[in-house]
N, C-alpha and C. Protein backbone atom coordinates (compact mmCIF):
# COMPACT_ATOMS: atom_id res chain seq x y z
N MET A 1 119.35 -36.33 20.19
CA MET A 1 118.44 -35.19 20.35
C MET A 1 119.05 -33.96 19.69
N ILE A 2 118.25 -33.24 18.93
CA ILE A 2 118.71 -32.02 18.28
C ILE A 2 118.53 -30.84 19.23
N LYS A 3 119.60 -30.12 19.46
CA LYS A 3 119.54 -28.94 20.32
C LYS A 3 119.41 -27.71 19.44
N LEU A 4 118.36 -26.95 19.67
CA LEU A 4 118.13 -25.74 18.88
C LEU A 4 118.60 -24.51 19.63
N ARG A 5 119.12 -23.57 18.87
CA ARG A 5 119.54 -22.29 19.44
C ARG A 5 118.81 -21.16 18.72
N THR A 6 118.73 -20.03 19.37
CA THR A 6 118.10 -18.86 18.77
C THR A 6 119.05 -17.68 18.87
N LYS A 7 118.99 -16.82 17.88
CA LYS A 7 119.80 -15.60 17.91
C LYS A 7 119.05 -14.49 17.20
N LEU A 8 118.95 -13.34 17.85
CA LEU A 8 118.34 -12.17 17.23
C LEU A 8 119.36 -11.58 16.26
N VAL A 9 119.15 -11.79 14.97
CA VAL A 9 120.13 -11.36 13.97
C VAL A 9 119.81 -10.00 13.37
N ILE A 10 118.56 -9.60 13.40
CA ILE A 10 118.16 -8.27 12.94
C ILE A 10 117.27 -7.69 14.03
N ASP A 11 117.69 -6.58 14.60
CA ASP A 11 117.01 -6.01 15.76
C ASP A 11 116.44 -4.64 15.43
N ALA A 12 115.17 -4.62 15.05
CA ALA A 12 114.44 -3.37 14.80
C ALA A 12 115.18 -2.45 13.83
N LYS A 13 115.61 -3.02 12.70
CA LYS A 13 116.32 -2.24 11.69
C LYS A 13 115.34 -1.70 10.65
N THR A 14 115.60 -0.49 10.18
CA THR A 14 114.82 0.12 9.12
C THR A 14 115.75 0.43 7.95
N ILE A 15 115.34 0.06 6.75
CA ILE A 15 116.15 0.36 5.57
C ILE A 15 115.31 1.14 4.57
N ALA A 16 115.99 1.97 3.80
CA ALA A 16 115.32 2.82 2.82
C ALA A 16 114.89 1.99 1.62
N ALA A 17 114.10 2.60 0.75
CA ALA A 17 113.70 1.95 -0.50
C ALA A 17 114.93 1.47 -1.25
N SER A 18 114.90 0.21 -1.69
CA SER A 18 115.99 -0.45 -2.42
C SER A 18 117.24 -0.64 -1.58
N GLY A 19 117.13 -0.44 -0.26
CA GLY A 19 118.28 -0.59 0.62
C GLY A 19 118.53 -2.04 1.00
N VAL A 20 119.70 -2.27 1.65
CA VAL A 20 120.12 -3.61 2.05
C VAL A 20 120.70 -3.55 3.45
N TYR A 21 120.40 -4.57 4.26
CA TYR A 21 121.02 -4.71 5.57
C TYR A 21 121.47 -6.16 5.72
N THR A 22 122.70 -6.36 6.19
CA THR A 22 123.24 -7.70 6.39
C THR A 22 123.60 -7.89 7.85
N SER A 23 123.18 -9.01 8.42
CA SER A 23 123.42 -9.27 9.84
C SER A 23 124.87 -9.63 10.10
N THR A 24 125.25 -9.63 11.36
CA THR A 24 126.56 -10.14 11.75
C THR A 24 126.57 -11.66 11.56
N PRO A 25 127.75 -12.27 11.39
CA PRO A 25 127.81 -13.72 11.14
C PRO A 25 127.36 -14.55 12.34
N VAL A 26 126.79 -15.71 12.04
CA VAL A 26 126.40 -16.69 13.04
C VAL A 26 127.00 -18.03 12.62
N ALA A 27 127.66 -18.72 13.55
CA ALA A 27 128.24 -20.04 13.25
C ALA A 27 127.13 -21.08 13.33
N VAL A 28 126.91 -21.81 12.23
CA VAL A 28 125.85 -22.81 12.19
C VAL A 28 126.43 -24.13 11.69
N SER A 29 125.75 -25.22 12.06
CA SER A 29 126.15 -26.55 11.61
C SER A 29 125.16 -27.05 10.57
N ARG A 30 125.54 -28.11 9.88
CA ARG A 30 124.62 -28.72 8.92
C ARG A 30 123.41 -29.23 9.69
N ALA A 31 122.23 -28.91 9.22
CA ALA A 31 121.03 -29.22 9.98
C ALA A 31 120.12 -30.19 9.23
N GLU A 32 119.32 -30.89 10.00
CA GLU A 32 118.31 -31.72 9.38
C GLU A 32 117.20 -30.84 8.83
N SER A 33 116.41 -31.40 7.92
CA SER A 33 115.34 -30.64 7.28
C SER A 33 114.40 -30.05 8.32
N GLY A 34 114.10 -28.77 8.16
CA GLY A 34 113.13 -28.12 9.03
C GLY A 34 113.72 -27.48 10.27
N VAL A 35 115.02 -27.67 10.52
CA VAL A 35 115.62 -27.13 11.74
C VAL A 35 115.86 -25.63 11.62
N PHE A 36 116.21 -25.16 10.43
CA PHE A 36 116.48 -23.74 10.25
C PHE A 36 115.18 -22.99 9.98
N SER A 37 115.01 -21.85 10.64
CA SER A 37 113.87 -20.99 10.34
C SER A 37 114.19 -19.58 10.81
N ILE A 38 113.46 -18.62 10.25
CA ILE A 38 113.50 -17.26 10.75
C ILE A 38 112.12 -16.90 11.27
N HIS A 39 112.09 -16.18 12.37
CA HIS A 39 110.86 -15.63 12.92
C HIS A 39 110.95 -14.12 12.72
N TYR A 40 110.12 -13.57 11.86
CA TYR A 40 110.26 -12.16 11.54
C TYR A 40 109.06 -11.34 12.01
N ARG A 41 109.35 -10.06 12.28
CA ARG A 41 108.33 -9.05 12.56
C ARG A 41 108.65 -7.87 11.65
N LEU A 42 107.67 -7.44 10.86
CA LEU A 42 107.94 -6.46 9.80
C LEU A 42 106.89 -5.36 9.80
N GLN A 43 107.38 -4.12 9.78
CA GLN A 43 106.51 -2.95 9.66
C GLN A 43 106.98 -2.11 8.47
N GLY A 44 106.23 -1.07 8.17
CA GLY A 44 106.61 -0.15 7.10
C GLY A 44 105.84 -0.41 5.82
N ALA A 45 105.99 0.52 4.87
CA ALA A 45 105.22 0.47 3.63
C ALA A 45 105.93 -0.28 2.51
N GLY A 46 107.17 -0.71 2.73
CA GLY A 46 107.95 -1.34 1.67
C GLY A 46 107.74 -2.84 1.58
N THR A 47 108.60 -3.48 0.78
CA THR A 47 108.55 -4.93 0.53
C THR A 47 109.92 -5.51 0.84
N ALA A 48 109.96 -6.61 1.58
CA ALA A 48 111.23 -7.17 2.04
C ALA A 48 111.51 -8.54 1.43
N LYS A 49 112.80 -8.81 1.26
CA LYS A 49 113.27 -10.14 0.86
C LYS A 49 114.37 -10.55 1.83
N PHE A 50 114.37 -11.83 2.22
CA PHE A 50 115.41 -12.37 3.10
C PHE A 50 116.18 -13.47 2.37
N GLU A 51 117.51 -13.41 2.47
CA GLU A 51 118.38 -14.43 1.90
C GLU A 51 119.41 -14.82 2.96
N TYR A 52 120.06 -15.97 2.74
CA TYR A 52 121.18 -16.32 3.61
C TYR A 52 122.47 -16.35 2.79
N LEU A 53 123.54 -15.91 3.42
CA LEU A 53 124.87 -15.90 2.81
C LEU A 53 125.79 -16.77 3.65
N MET A 54 126.74 -17.44 3.01
CA MET A 54 127.69 -18.28 3.72
C MET A 54 129.11 -17.78 3.46
N ALA A 55 129.98 -17.94 4.47
CA ALA A 55 131.39 -17.61 4.29
C ALA A 55 131.95 -18.46 3.16
N SER A 56 132.59 -17.80 2.19
CA SER A 56 132.96 -18.49 0.96
C SER A 56 134.34 -19.12 0.99
N GLY A 57 135.15 -18.79 1.99
CA GLY A 57 136.53 -19.25 1.98
C GLY A 57 137.43 -18.26 1.27
N LEU A 58 136.82 -17.30 0.57
CA LEU A 58 137.58 -16.23 -0.08
C LEU A 58 137.76 -15.09 0.91
N THR A 59 138.75 -14.28 0.69
CA THR A 59 138.98 -13.12 1.55
C THR A 59 139.17 -11.88 0.70
N GLY A 60 138.95 -10.75 1.35
CA GLY A 60 139.13 -9.48 0.66
C GLY A 60 140.58 -9.06 0.62
N LEU A 61 140.81 -7.83 0.20
CA LEU A 61 142.17 -7.31 0.06
C LEU A 61 142.83 -7.09 1.41
N ILE A 62 144.13 -7.24 1.45
CA ILE A 62 144.89 -6.98 2.66
C ILE A 62 144.86 -5.49 2.97
N ASN A 63 144.73 -5.16 4.25
CA ASN A 63 144.74 -3.78 4.69
C ASN A 63 146.16 -3.23 4.55
N ARG A 64 146.38 -2.34 3.60
CA ARG A 64 147.73 -1.83 3.35
C ARG A 64 148.25 -0.99 4.51
N LEU A 65 147.34 -0.34 5.26
CA LEU A 65 147.79 0.47 6.39
C LEU A 65 148.18 -0.39 7.58
N ASN A 66 147.59 -1.58 7.67
CA ASN A 66 147.92 -2.48 8.77
C ASN A 66 147.88 -3.91 8.26
N PRO A 67 148.95 -4.36 7.60
CA PRO A 67 148.96 -5.71 7.00
C PRO A 67 148.78 -6.82 8.02
N ALA A 68 149.00 -6.53 9.32
CA ALA A 68 148.85 -7.57 10.34
C ALA A 68 147.39 -7.96 10.54
N LEU A 69 146.47 -7.09 10.15
CA LEU A 69 145.06 -7.41 10.29
C LEU A 69 144.66 -8.48 9.28
N ALA A 70 143.86 -9.43 9.74
CA ALA A 70 143.39 -10.48 8.83
C ALA A 70 142.46 -9.87 7.79
N PRO A 71 142.58 -10.25 6.53
CA PRO A 71 141.67 -9.71 5.51
C PRO A 71 140.24 -10.17 5.78
N PRO A 72 139.26 -9.38 5.39
CA PRO A 72 137.87 -9.73 5.69
C PRO A 72 137.41 -10.97 4.92
N VAL A 73 136.52 -11.72 5.56
CA VAL A 73 135.92 -12.89 4.90
C VAL A 73 134.84 -12.40 3.93
N ILE A 74 134.75 -13.02 2.79
CA ILE A 74 133.73 -12.67 1.80
C ILE A 74 132.56 -13.65 1.93
N TYR A 75 131.35 -13.10 2.05
CA TYR A 75 130.13 -13.90 2.17
C TYR A 75 129.38 -13.86 0.85
N LEU A 76 128.93 -15.03 0.40
CA LEU A 76 128.22 -15.15 -0.86
C LEU A 76 126.96 -15.98 -0.68
N GLU A 77 125.97 -15.73 -1.52
CA GLU A 77 124.80 -16.60 -1.55
C GLU A 77 125.19 -17.89 -2.26
N PRO A 78 124.95 -19.06 -1.65
CA PRO A 78 125.35 -20.32 -2.29
C PRO A 78 124.71 -20.48 -3.66
N SER A 79 125.44 -21.08 -4.58
CA SER A 79 124.94 -21.30 -5.93
C SER A 79 123.67 -22.14 -5.89
N GLY A 80 122.63 -21.66 -6.54
CA GLY A 80 121.37 -22.39 -6.60
C GLY A 80 120.49 -22.24 -5.38
N ALA A 81 120.93 -21.45 -4.39
CA ALA A 81 120.13 -21.28 -3.17
C ALA A 81 118.87 -20.46 -3.47
N SER A 82 117.79 -20.81 -2.82
CA SER A 82 116.55 -20.05 -2.94
C SER A 82 116.49 -18.99 -1.85
N ASP A 83 115.75 -17.92 -2.12
CA ASP A 83 115.51 -16.93 -1.07
C ASP A 83 114.80 -17.59 0.10
N ILE A 84 115.10 -17.13 1.31
CA ILE A 84 114.33 -17.62 2.46
C ILE A 84 112.87 -17.21 2.30
N ALA A 85 112.66 -15.96 1.95
CA ALA A 85 111.30 -15.44 1.72
C ALA A 85 111.43 -14.15 0.92
N SER A 86 110.44 -13.85 0.10
CA SER A 86 110.46 -12.62 -0.69
C SER A 86 109.05 -12.08 -0.83
N GLY A 87 108.96 -10.82 -1.25
CA GLY A 87 107.65 -10.20 -1.44
C GLY A 87 106.89 -9.96 -0.15
N LEU A 88 107.61 -9.81 0.97
CA LEU A 88 106.95 -9.68 2.26
C LEU A 88 106.54 -8.24 2.53
N THR A 89 105.30 -8.06 2.97
CA THR A 89 104.78 -6.75 3.37
C THR A 89 104.04 -6.91 4.69
N VAL A 90 103.47 -5.81 5.18
CA VAL A 90 102.70 -5.90 6.42
C VAL A 90 101.44 -6.73 6.26
N ALA A 91 101.09 -7.07 5.01
CA ALA A 91 99.91 -7.91 4.76
C ALA A 91 100.30 -9.37 4.55
N SER A 92 101.58 -9.72 4.78
CA SER A 92 102.04 -11.09 4.56
C SER A 92 101.78 -11.96 5.79
N GLY A 93 101.93 -13.27 5.58
CA GLY A 93 101.81 -14.20 6.69
C GLY A 93 100.37 -14.44 7.11
N PRO A 94 100.18 -15.32 8.09
CA PRO A 94 98.83 -15.64 8.56
C PRO A 94 98.12 -14.40 9.09
N ALA A 95 96.88 -14.23 8.70
CA ALA A 95 96.13 -13.03 9.09
C ALA A 95 96.04 -12.89 10.61
N LEU A 96 95.88 -14.01 11.32
CA LEU A 96 95.73 -13.93 12.77
C LEU A 96 97.00 -13.44 13.45
N HIS A 97 98.17 -13.61 12.80
CA HIS A 97 99.42 -13.18 13.41
C HIS A 97 99.69 -11.69 13.21
N ARG A 98 99.01 -11.07 12.27
CA ARG A 98 99.29 -9.66 11.98
C ARG A 98 98.81 -8.76 13.11
N VAL A 99 99.58 -7.70 13.31
CA VAL A 99 99.12 -6.64 14.21
C VAL A 99 98.36 -5.63 13.37
N LYS A 100 97.14 -5.31 13.81
CA LYS A 100 96.32 -4.33 13.09
C LYS A 100 96.10 -3.11 13.96
N SER A 101 95.83 -2.00 13.31
CA SER A 101 95.63 -0.75 14.04
C SER A 101 94.23 -0.21 13.77
N ARG A 102 93.71 0.52 14.76
CA ARG A 102 92.38 1.11 14.63
C ARG A 102 92.32 2.35 15.51
N THR A 103 91.87 3.47 14.95
CA THR A 103 91.75 4.69 15.74
C THR A 103 90.57 4.58 16.69
N PHE A 104 90.70 5.25 17.84
CA PHE A 104 89.61 5.22 18.81
C PHE A 104 89.34 6.63 19.34
N THR A 105 88.12 6.82 19.81
CA THR A 105 87.70 8.05 20.48
C THR A 105 86.94 7.66 21.74
N SER A 106 86.61 8.65 22.55
CA SER A 106 85.78 8.45 23.75
C SER A 106 86.35 7.38 24.68
N GLY A 107 87.69 7.30 24.73
CA GLY A 107 88.31 6.32 25.61
C GLY A 107 88.12 6.67 27.07
N SER A 108 87.58 5.73 27.85
CA SER A 108 87.34 5.98 29.27
C SER A 108 88.18 5.10 30.18
N VAL A 109 88.82 4.06 29.60
CA VAL A 109 89.67 3.15 30.38
C VAL A 109 90.92 2.85 29.55
N ASP A 110 92.09 2.86 30.19
CA ASP A 110 93.33 2.48 29.52
C ASP A 110 93.42 0.96 29.55
N PRO A 111 93.31 0.28 28.39
CA PRO A 111 93.19 -1.19 28.40
C PRO A 111 94.45 -1.88 28.91
N ILE A 112 94.29 -3.17 29.21
CA ILE A 112 95.38 -4.02 29.69
C ILE A 112 95.84 -4.91 28.55
N VAL A 113 97.14 -4.92 28.28
CA VAL A 113 97.68 -5.76 27.21
C VAL A 113 97.29 -7.22 27.44
N GLY A 114 96.77 -7.84 26.40
CA GLY A 114 96.36 -9.24 26.47
C GLY A 114 94.87 -9.44 26.67
N GLU A 115 94.15 -8.38 27.00
CA GLU A 115 92.70 -8.57 27.18
C GLU A 115 92.02 -8.69 25.82
N THR A 116 90.84 -9.27 25.82
CA THR A 116 90.08 -9.46 24.59
C THR A 116 89.15 -8.28 24.36
N PHE A 117 89.22 -7.73 23.14
CA PHE A 117 88.29 -6.70 22.71
C PHE A 117 87.16 -7.37 21.93
N THR A 118 85.95 -6.87 22.11
CA THR A 118 84.80 -7.37 21.36
C THR A 118 84.00 -6.19 20.84
N GLY A 119 83.66 -6.23 19.55
CA GLY A 119 82.82 -5.18 18.98
C GLY A 119 81.42 -5.27 19.57
N ALA A 120 80.93 -4.16 20.12
CA ALA A 120 79.64 -4.18 20.80
C ALA A 120 78.49 -4.44 19.84
N THR A 121 78.67 -4.10 18.56
CA THR A 121 77.60 -4.30 17.58
C THR A 121 77.79 -5.57 16.77
N GLY A 122 78.97 -5.72 16.16
CA GLY A 122 79.20 -6.84 15.25
C GLY A 122 79.72 -8.10 15.90
N GLY A 123 80.29 -8.00 17.10
CA GLY A 123 80.77 -9.18 17.80
C GLY A 123 82.15 -9.66 17.41
N ALA A 124 82.88 -8.92 16.54
CA ALA A 124 84.25 -9.31 16.20
C ALA A 124 85.12 -9.25 17.45
N THR A 125 86.20 -10.05 17.47
CA THR A 125 87.07 -10.08 18.63
C THR A 125 88.53 -9.91 18.21
N ALA A 126 89.37 -9.50 19.15
CA ALA A 126 90.81 -9.36 18.92
C ALA A 126 91.50 -9.33 20.28
N ILE A 127 92.82 -9.56 20.27
CA ILE A 127 93.62 -9.52 21.48
C ILE A 127 94.42 -8.22 21.49
N TYR A 128 94.24 -7.43 22.53
CA TYR A 128 94.86 -6.11 22.62
C TYR A 128 96.37 -6.23 22.78
N GLU A 129 97.10 -5.48 21.95
CA GLU A 129 98.57 -5.51 21.94
C GLU A 129 99.18 -4.25 22.54
N GLY A 130 98.52 -3.12 22.40
CA GLY A 130 99.07 -1.86 22.92
C GLY A 130 98.44 -0.69 22.21
N ARG A 131 98.92 0.51 22.51
CA ARG A 131 98.39 1.72 21.88
C ARG A 131 99.50 2.73 21.72
N ASN A 132 99.25 3.75 20.89
CA ASN A 132 100.19 4.86 20.81
C ASN A 132 99.86 5.86 21.92
N ALA A 133 100.61 6.93 22.00
CA ALA A 133 100.32 7.95 23.01
C ALA A 133 98.95 8.56 22.75
N VAL A 134 98.25 8.88 23.82
CA VAL A 134 96.95 9.54 23.68
C VAL A 134 97.12 10.83 22.88
N GLN A 135 96.30 10.99 21.85
CA GLN A 135 96.42 12.15 20.98
C GLN A 135 95.73 13.38 21.55
N THR A 136 94.52 13.20 22.03
CA THR A 136 93.79 14.30 22.68
C THR A 136 92.99 13.73 23.83
N GLY A 137 92.61 14.59 24.77
CA GLY A 137 91.79 14.17 25.88
C GLY A 137 92.54 13.28 26.87
N THR A 138 91.79 12.67 27.78
CA THR A 138 92.35 11.76 28.77
C THR A 138 91.35 10.64 29.04
N PHE A 139 91.86 9.52 29.54
CA PHE A 139 90.95 8.44 29.94
C PHE A 139 90.11 8.86 31.14
N ALA A 140 90.72 9.62 32.03
CA ALA A 140 90.00 10.06 33.23
C ALA A 140 88.79 10.91 32.86
N ALA A 141 88.94 11.70 31.78
CA ALA A 141 87.84 12.57 31.35
C ALA A 141 86.92 11.87 30.35
N THR A 142 87.17 10.59 30.08
CA THR A 142 86.39 9.74 29.16
C THR A 142 86.35 10.28 27.74
N ASN A 143 87.41 11.01 27.34
CA ASN A 143 87.44 11.55 25.97
C ASN A 143 88.79 11.33 25.30
N ALA A 144 89.52 10.29 25.71
CA ALA A 144 90.83 10.01 25.12
C ALA A 144 90.68 9.56 23.67
N THR A 145 91.62 9.99 22.81
CA THR A 145 91.66 9.54 21.42
C THR A 145 93.06 9.04 21.12
N GLY A 146 93.18 8.15 20.13
CA GLY A 146 94.48 7.62 19.75
C GLY A 146 94.31 6.42 18.84
N THR A 147 95.25 5.48 18.92
CA THR A 147 95.23 4.29 18.07
C THR A 147 95.49 3.05 18.92
N PHE A 148 94.62 2.05 18.78
CA PHE A 148 94.82 0.75 19.41
C PHE A 148 95.50 -0.18 18.41
N TYR A 149 96.30 -1.13 18.95
CA TYR A 149 96.91 -2.17 18.12
C TYR A 149 96.49 -3.52 18.69
N TRP A 150 96.11 -4.45 17.80
CA TRP A 150 95.68 -5.76 18.28
C TRP A 150 96.05 -6.86 17.29
N THR A 151 96.00 -8.10 17.78
CA THR A 151 96.26 -9.28 16.95
C THR A 151 95.05 -10.21 17.03
N ASP A 152 95.13 -11.32 16.30
CA ASP A 152 94.10 -12.37 16.35
C ASP A 152 92.71 -11.81 16.06
N GLU A 153 92.63 -10.90 15.10
CA GLU A 153 91.33 -10.34 14.75
C GLU A 153 90.45 -11.41 14.12
N SER A 154 89.29 -11.61 14.69
CA SER A 154 88.33 -12.60 14.19
C SER A 154 86.99 -11.91 13.95
N GLY A 155 86.50 -11.98 12.71
CA GLY A 155 85.31 -11.23 12.36
C GLY A 155 85.69 -9.86 11.84
N THR A 156 84.70 -9.01 11.63
CA THR A 156 84.93 -7.68 11.07
C THR A 156 84.43 -6.62 12.04
N PHE A 157 85.36 -5.81 12.53
CA PHE A 157 84.96 -4.71 13.40
C PHE A 157 84.29 -3.62 12.57
N GLN A 158 83.28 -3.01 13.14
CA GLN A 158 82.56 -1.93 12.50
C GLN A 158 82.93 -0.60 13.17
N SER A 159 82.31 0.48 12.74
CA SER A 159 82.38 1.72 13.50
C SER A 159 81.41 1.53 14.67
N GLU A 160 81.96 1.26 15.84
CA GLU A 160 81.12 0.80 16.95
C GLU A 160 81.83 1.02 18.28
N ASN A 161 81.11 0.75 19.35
CA ASN A 161 81.71 0.77 20.68
C ASN A 161 82.50 -0.51 20.89
N LEU A 162 83.49 -0.43 21.80
CA LEU A 162 84.29 -1.59 22.14
C LEU A 162 83.99 -2.03 23.56
N ASN A 163 83.91 -3.35 23.74
CA ASN A 163 83.86 -3.94 25.07
C ASN A 163 85.20 -4.61 25.33
N GLY A 164 85.69 -4.51 26.55
CA GLY A 164 86.96 -5.13 26.90
C GLY A 164 86.78 -6.16 27.99
N GLY A 165 87.54 -7.27 27.88
CA GLY A 165 87.46 -8.30 28.89
C GLY A 165 87.81 -7.79 30.27
N ALA A 166 88.73 -6.81 30.33
CA ALA A 166 89.10 -6.19 31.60
C ALA A 166 88.58 -4.77 31.71
N SER A 167 88.43 -4.10 30.56
CA SER A 167 88.08 -2.68 30.57
C SER A 167 86.59 -2.42 30.68
N GLY A 168 85.77 -3.45 30.46
CA GLY A 168 84.33 -3.29 30.62
C GLY A 168 83.63 -2.88 29.34
N ALA A 169 82.33 -2.66 29.44
CA ALA A 169 81.50 -2.36 28.28
C ALA A 169 81.67 -0.91 27.84
N ASN A 170 81.67 -0.73 26.51
CA ASN A 170 81.66 0.60 25.90
C ASN A 170 82.75 1.52 26.46
N PHE A 171 83.97 0.98 26.58
CA PHE A 171 85.05 1.79 27.16
C PHE A 171 85.71 2.70 26.12
N ALA A 172 85.41 2.48 24.82
CA ALA A 172 85.95 3.32 23.75
C ALA A 172 85.10 3.10 22.51
N THR A 173 85.25 4.00 21.55
CA THR A 173 84.55 3.90 20.27
C THR A 173 85.57 3.87 19.15
N ILE A 174 85.40 2.96 18.20
CA ILE A 174 86.31 2.87 17.06
C ILE A 174 85.58 3.25 15.79
N GLY A 175 86.36 3.70 14.79
CA GLY A 175 85.78 4.06 13.50
C GLY A 175 86.66 3.55 12.38
N GLY A 176 86.20 3.71 11.14
CA GLY A 176 87.00 3.33 9.99
C GLY A 176 87.14 1.83 9.86
N VAL A 177 88.28 1.40 9.30
CA VAL A 177 88.56 -0.02 9.12
C VAL A 177 89.92 -0.34 9.74
N SER A 178 90.14 -1.62 10.05
CA SER A 178 91.42 -2.04 10.60
C SER A 178 92.49 -1.99 9.52
N SER A 179 93.67 -1.48 9.86
CA SER A 179 94.79 -1.41 8.92
C SER A 179 95.89 -2.36 9.37
N ASN A 180 96.54 -3.03 8.41
CA ASN A 180 97.68 -3.88 8.75
C ASN A 180 98.83 -3.01 9.23
N PHE A 181 99.37 -3.33 10.39
CA PHE A 181 100.46 -2.55 10.97
C PHE A 181 101.77 -3.33 11.01
N GLU A 182 101.71 -4.62 11.34
CA GLU A 182 102.92 -5.43 11.43
C GLU A 182 102.61 -6.87 11.05
N ALA A 183 103.47 -7.45 10.18
CA ALA A 183 103.35 -8.86 9.82
C ALA A 183 104.29 -9.68 10.69
N ARG A 184 103.85 -10.88 11.07
CA ARG A 184 104.67 -11.80 11.86
C ARG A 184 104.50 -13.20 11.28
N ASP A 185 105.62 -13.89 11.12
CA ASP A 185 105.51 -15.26 10.60
C ASP A 185 106.80 -16.01 10.88
N ILE A 186 106.75 -17.33 10.69
CA ILE A 186 107.90 -18.22 10.80
C ILE A 186 108.10 -18.87 9.44
N VAL A 187 109.33 -18.79 8.92
CA VAL A 187 109.64 -19.34 7.59
C VAL A 187 110.83 -20.27 7.72
N GLY A 188 110.66 -21.52 7.31
CA GLY A 188 111.75 -22.48 7.34
C GLY A 188 112.58 -22.43 6.07
N PHE A 189 113.85 -22.82 6.18
CA PHE A 189 114.71 -22.93 5.00
C PHE A 189 115.77 -23.99 5.26
N SER A 190 116.43 -24.46 4.20
CA SER A 190 117.35 -25.59 4.31
C SER A 190 118.70 -25.27 3.68
N PRO A 191 119.58 -24.62 4.42
CA PRO A 191 120.92 -24.38 3.88
C PRO A 191 121.67 -25.69 3.72
N GLU A 192 122.47 -25.79 2.68
CA GLU A 192 123.18 -27.04 2.39
C GLU A 192 124.61 -27.02 2.90
N LEU A 193 125.01 -25.93 3.54
CA LEU A 193 126.39 -25.79 3.98
C LEU A 193 126.43 -25.45 5.46
N ALA A 194 127.53 -25.81 6.10
CA ALA A 194 127.76 -25.42 7.48
C ALA A 194 128.86 -24.36 7.51
N GLY A 195 128.90 -23.56 8.57
CA GLY A 195 129.93 -22.54 8.68
C GLY A 195 129.36 -21.25 9.20
N LEU A 196 129.91 -20.13 8.73
CA LEU A 196 129.44 -18.82 9.15
C LEU A 196 128.34 -18.35 8.20
N MET A 197 127.21 -17.94 8.78
CA MET A 197 126.05 -17.53 7.99
C MET A 197 125.68 -16.09 8.33
N GLN A 198 125.24 -15.36 7.32
CA GLN A 198 124.64 -14.04 7.51
C GLN A 198 123.23 -14.06 6.91
N ILE A 199 122.35 -13.26 7.48
CA ILE A 199 121.01 -13.06 6.91
C ILE A 199 120.99 -11.67 6.27
N ARG A 200 120.60 -11.63 5.01
CA ARG A 200 120.55 -10.35 4.28
C ARG A 200 119.10 -9.97 4.02
N MET A 201 118.77 -8.74 4.36
CA MET A 201 117.43 -8.20 4.12
C MET A 201 117.53 -7.11 3.06
N THR A 202 116.67 -7.18 2.05
CA THR A 202 116.67 -6.20 0.97
C THR A 202 115.26 -5.66 0.78
N GLU A 203 115.14 -4.34 0.62
CA GLU A 203 113.85 -3.75 0.27
C GLU A 203 113.74 -3.81 -1.24
N THR A 204 112.73 -4.51 -1.75
CA THR A 204 112.65 -4.78 -3.19
C THR A 204 111.56 -4.00 -3.90
N GLY A 205 110.70 -3.30 -3.15
CA GLY A 205 109.62 -2.57 -3.80
C GLY A 205 110.09 -1.32 -4.51
N GLY A 206 111.12 -0.68 -3.96
CA GLY A 206 111.71 0.49 -4.60
C GLY A 206 111.00 1.79 -4.35
N GLY A 207 109.81 1.75 -3.76
CA GLY A 207 109.06 2.99 -3.57
C GLY A 207 109.08 3.49 -2.15
N SER A 208 109.14 2.59 -1.18
CA SER A 208 109.11 2.96 0.23
C SER A 208 110.08 2.09 1.01
N GLY A 209 110.53 2.61 2.15
CA GLY A 209 111.39 1.83 3.01
C GLY A 209 110.60 0.78 3.77
N VAL A 210 111.32 -0.07 4.48
CA VAL A 210 110.68 -1.11 5.27
C VAL A 210 111.31 -1.10 6.66
N GLY A 211 110.47 -1.29 7.67
CA GLY A 211 110.99 -1.33 9.02
C GLY A 211 110.18 -0.47 9.97
N PRO A 212 110.44 -0.68 11.26
CA PRO A 212 111.48 -1.57 11.77
C PRO A 212 111.16 -3.04 11.53
N VAL A 213 112.24 -3.81 11.32
CA VAL A 213 112.14 -5.25 11.10
C VAL A 213 113.04 -5.96 12.11
N SER A 214 112.52 -7.02 12.71
CA SER A 214 113.32 -7.85 13.61
C SER A 214 113.24 -9.29 13.12
N VAL A 215 114.38 -10.00 13.20
CA VAL A 215 114.44 -11.39 12.74
C VAL A 215 115.19 -12.23 13.77
N MET A 216 114.55 -13.31 14.21
CA MET A 216 115.18 -14.29 15.08
C MET A 216 115.52 -15.52 14.24
N LEU A 217 116.80 -15.93 14.29
CA LEU A 217 117.23 -17.14 13.59
C LEU A 217 117.18 -18.31 14.56
N VAL A 218 116.52 -19.39 14.16
CA VAL A 218 116.48 -20.62 14.94
C VAL A 218 117.28 -21.66 14.18
N TYR A 219 118.27 -22.26 14.84
CA TYR A 219 119.19 -23.14 14.12
C TYR A 219 119.76 -24.19 15.06
N GLN A 220 120.43 -25.18 14.45
CA GLN A 220 121.02 -26.28 15.22
C GLN A 220 122.37 -25.87 15.79
């Protein structure tokens, strides 16, 4: 039986345009096909690439101020290795997994995370994920405004009233169009070496930063 482990290797990190972030090392064993994967959550206007690096057996320079310290291990991308994933943006991955945002007005009920939203006119549905702080008004006064976030959007929401599975009919009004806020996906990869591994994230678009980004490594 294969025992799988998980480790959060990138925890809500944000990097600037063309920036790089490298995770702390994780000890991994040689795995069967399909055992290695990353589960990522990505926000921001930039573009991300993920690679894996392995401890090379090479070491850096000896610390002249304290020669007793072990020299650092050098991590390299294995020769011929493919990127785990590249060209990732908030519009990447399965559409149903993405978190989308939509501004609302006339809010009369503070929704419950996990309830189903339904467009009162068009009938589109989504699963409520959360909201930002109320921008103006209050729910008690039935005039709250702000932004809702949801997943599993099915159909096309219009500028319309919202019905909530828990919040009731016409508890808020939405306008505009849904915007991609966060991409989520699972990507498998097949490292050919065992040892110490790092995950490297690079912003490749060059125009905007990316993040916050979180990555869970699943491995043998």
